[in-house]
């Protein structure tokens, strides 16, 4: 599991400077990342190590990562930020 300092570091690294990515990654890192298991947290850290153009293509559905774990994490982030039908 990531310790508190490392979690804060990952929240900071989730700020990419591209609005589309910031809207997805910021809330997920701040609220969902601490609740994930150690293995999933490490997958998220690997996701953040990817280049912004790749992340953008994956999150916008233009491409899919060849890495199954990264592709699953992209879906998990997307599912987290989808608006709840109860709130719509």
Protein backbone atom coordinates (compact mmCIF):
# COMPACT_ATOMS: atom_id res chain seq x y z
CA UNK A 1 0.00 0.00 0.00
CA UNK A 2 1.15 3.52 -0.70
CA UNK A 3 1.88 5.54 2.42
CA UNK A 4 0.36 8.98 2.96
CA UNK A 5 3.30 10.84 1.41
CA UNK A 6 3.30 8.59 -1.65
CA UNK A 7 -0.47 8.97 -2.04
CA UNK A 8 -0.09 12.76 -2.01
CA UNK A 9 2.68 12.46 -4.58
CA UNK A 10 0.41 10.43 -6.87
CA UNK A 11 -2.42 12.94 -6.46
CA UNK A 12 0.06 15.66 -7.50
CA UNK A 13 1.28 13.59 -10.47
CA UNK A 14 -2.34 13.14 -11.54
CA UNK A 15 -2.37 16.83 -12.45
CA UNK A 16 -1.27 16.59 -16.05
CA UNK A 17 -1.95 20.10 -17.33
CA UNK A 18 -4.42 18.81 -19.90
CA UNK A 19 -7.97 19.59 -18.77
CA UNK A 20 -9.45 16.36 -20.08
CA UNK A 21 -6.95 14.27 -18.13
CA UNK A 22 -7.07 16.45 -15.02
CA UNK A 23 -10.86 16.05 -14.80
CA UNK A 24 -10.51 12.27 -14.91
CA UNK A 25 -7.36 11.61 -12.93
CA UNK A 26 -7.59 14.26 -10.20
CA UNK A 27 -10.81 13.14 -8.51
CA UNK A 28 -9.91 9.47 -8.91
CA UNK A 29 -6.50 9.93 -7.30
CA UNK A 30 -7.85 12.04 -4.46
CA UNK A 31 -10.79 9.82 -3.54
CA UNK A 32 -10.51 6.32 -5.02
CA UNK A 33 -6.75 5.67 -5.08
CA UNK A 34 -6.42 5.45 -1.26
CA UNK A 35 -9.13 2.77 -1.24
CA UNK A 36 -7.44 0.51 -3.78
CA UNK A 37 -5.31 -2.47 -2.86
CA UNK A 38 -1.54 -2.28 -3.15
CA UNK A 39 -1.45 -4.05 -6.53
CA UNK A 40 -4.02 -1.70 -8.05
CA UNK A 41 -2.24 1.33 -6.63
CA UNK A 42 0.94 0.21 -8.37
CA UNK A 43 -0.96 -0.18 -11.65
CA UNK A 44 -2.18 3.42 -11.24
CA UNK A 45 1.42 4.56 -10.64
CA UNK A 46 2.41 2.79 -13.88
CA UNK A 47 -0.51 4.46 -15.65
CA UNK A 48 0.76 7.88 -14.60
CA UNK A 49 4.19 7.02 -16.04
CA UNK A 50 2.68 6.93 -19.54
CA UNK A 51 2.86 9.84 -21.97
CA UNK A 52 -0.06 12.30 -22.02
CA UNK A 53 -0.91 11.67 -25.71
CA UNK A 54 -1.27 7.94 -24.97
CA UNK A 55 -3.38 8.60 -21.87
CA UNK A 56 -5.58 11.00 -23.82
CA UNK A 57 -6.11 8.46 -26.62
CA UNK A 58 -6.97 5.71 -24.12
CA UNK A 59 -9.36 7.79 -22.04
CA UNK A 60 -11.10 9.24 -25.08
CA UNK A 61 -11.55 5.76 -26.54
CA UNK A 62 -9.44 6.38 -29.64
CA UNK A 63 -7.00 3.61 -28.71
CA UNK A 64 -6.53 0.93 -26.05
CA UNK A 65 -3.38 0.09 -24.16
CA UNK A 66 -1.68 -3.19 -25.10
CA UNK A 67 -1.12 -3.72 -21.36
CA UNK A 68 -4.25 -5.40 -19.95
CA UNK A 69 -3.68 -4.00 -16.46
CA UNK A 70 -3.38 -0.44 -17.76
CA UNK A 71 -6.46 -0.89 -19.96
CA UNK A 72 -8.40 -2.14 -16.94
CA UNK A 73 -7.24 0.84 -14.86
CA UNK A 74 -8.36 3.23 -17.60
CA UNK A 75 -11.82 1.63 -17.45
CA UNK A 76 -11.81 1.84 -13.66
CA UNK A 77 -11.02 5.58 -13.75
CA UNK A 78 -13.66 6.15 -16.43
CA UNK A 79 -16.26 4.26 -14.39
CA UNK A 80 -15.39 6.27 -11.29
CA UNK A 81 -15.99 9.62 -12.97
CA UNK A 82 -19.17 8.66 -14.80
CA UNK A 83 -22.10 10.63 -13.41
CA UNK A 84 -24.41 8.63 -11.20
CA UNK A 85 -27.86 8.04 -12.73
CA UNK A 86 -29.34 8.91 -9.34
CA UNK A 87 -27.84 12.40 -9.54
CA UNK A 88 -28.73 13.01 -13.17
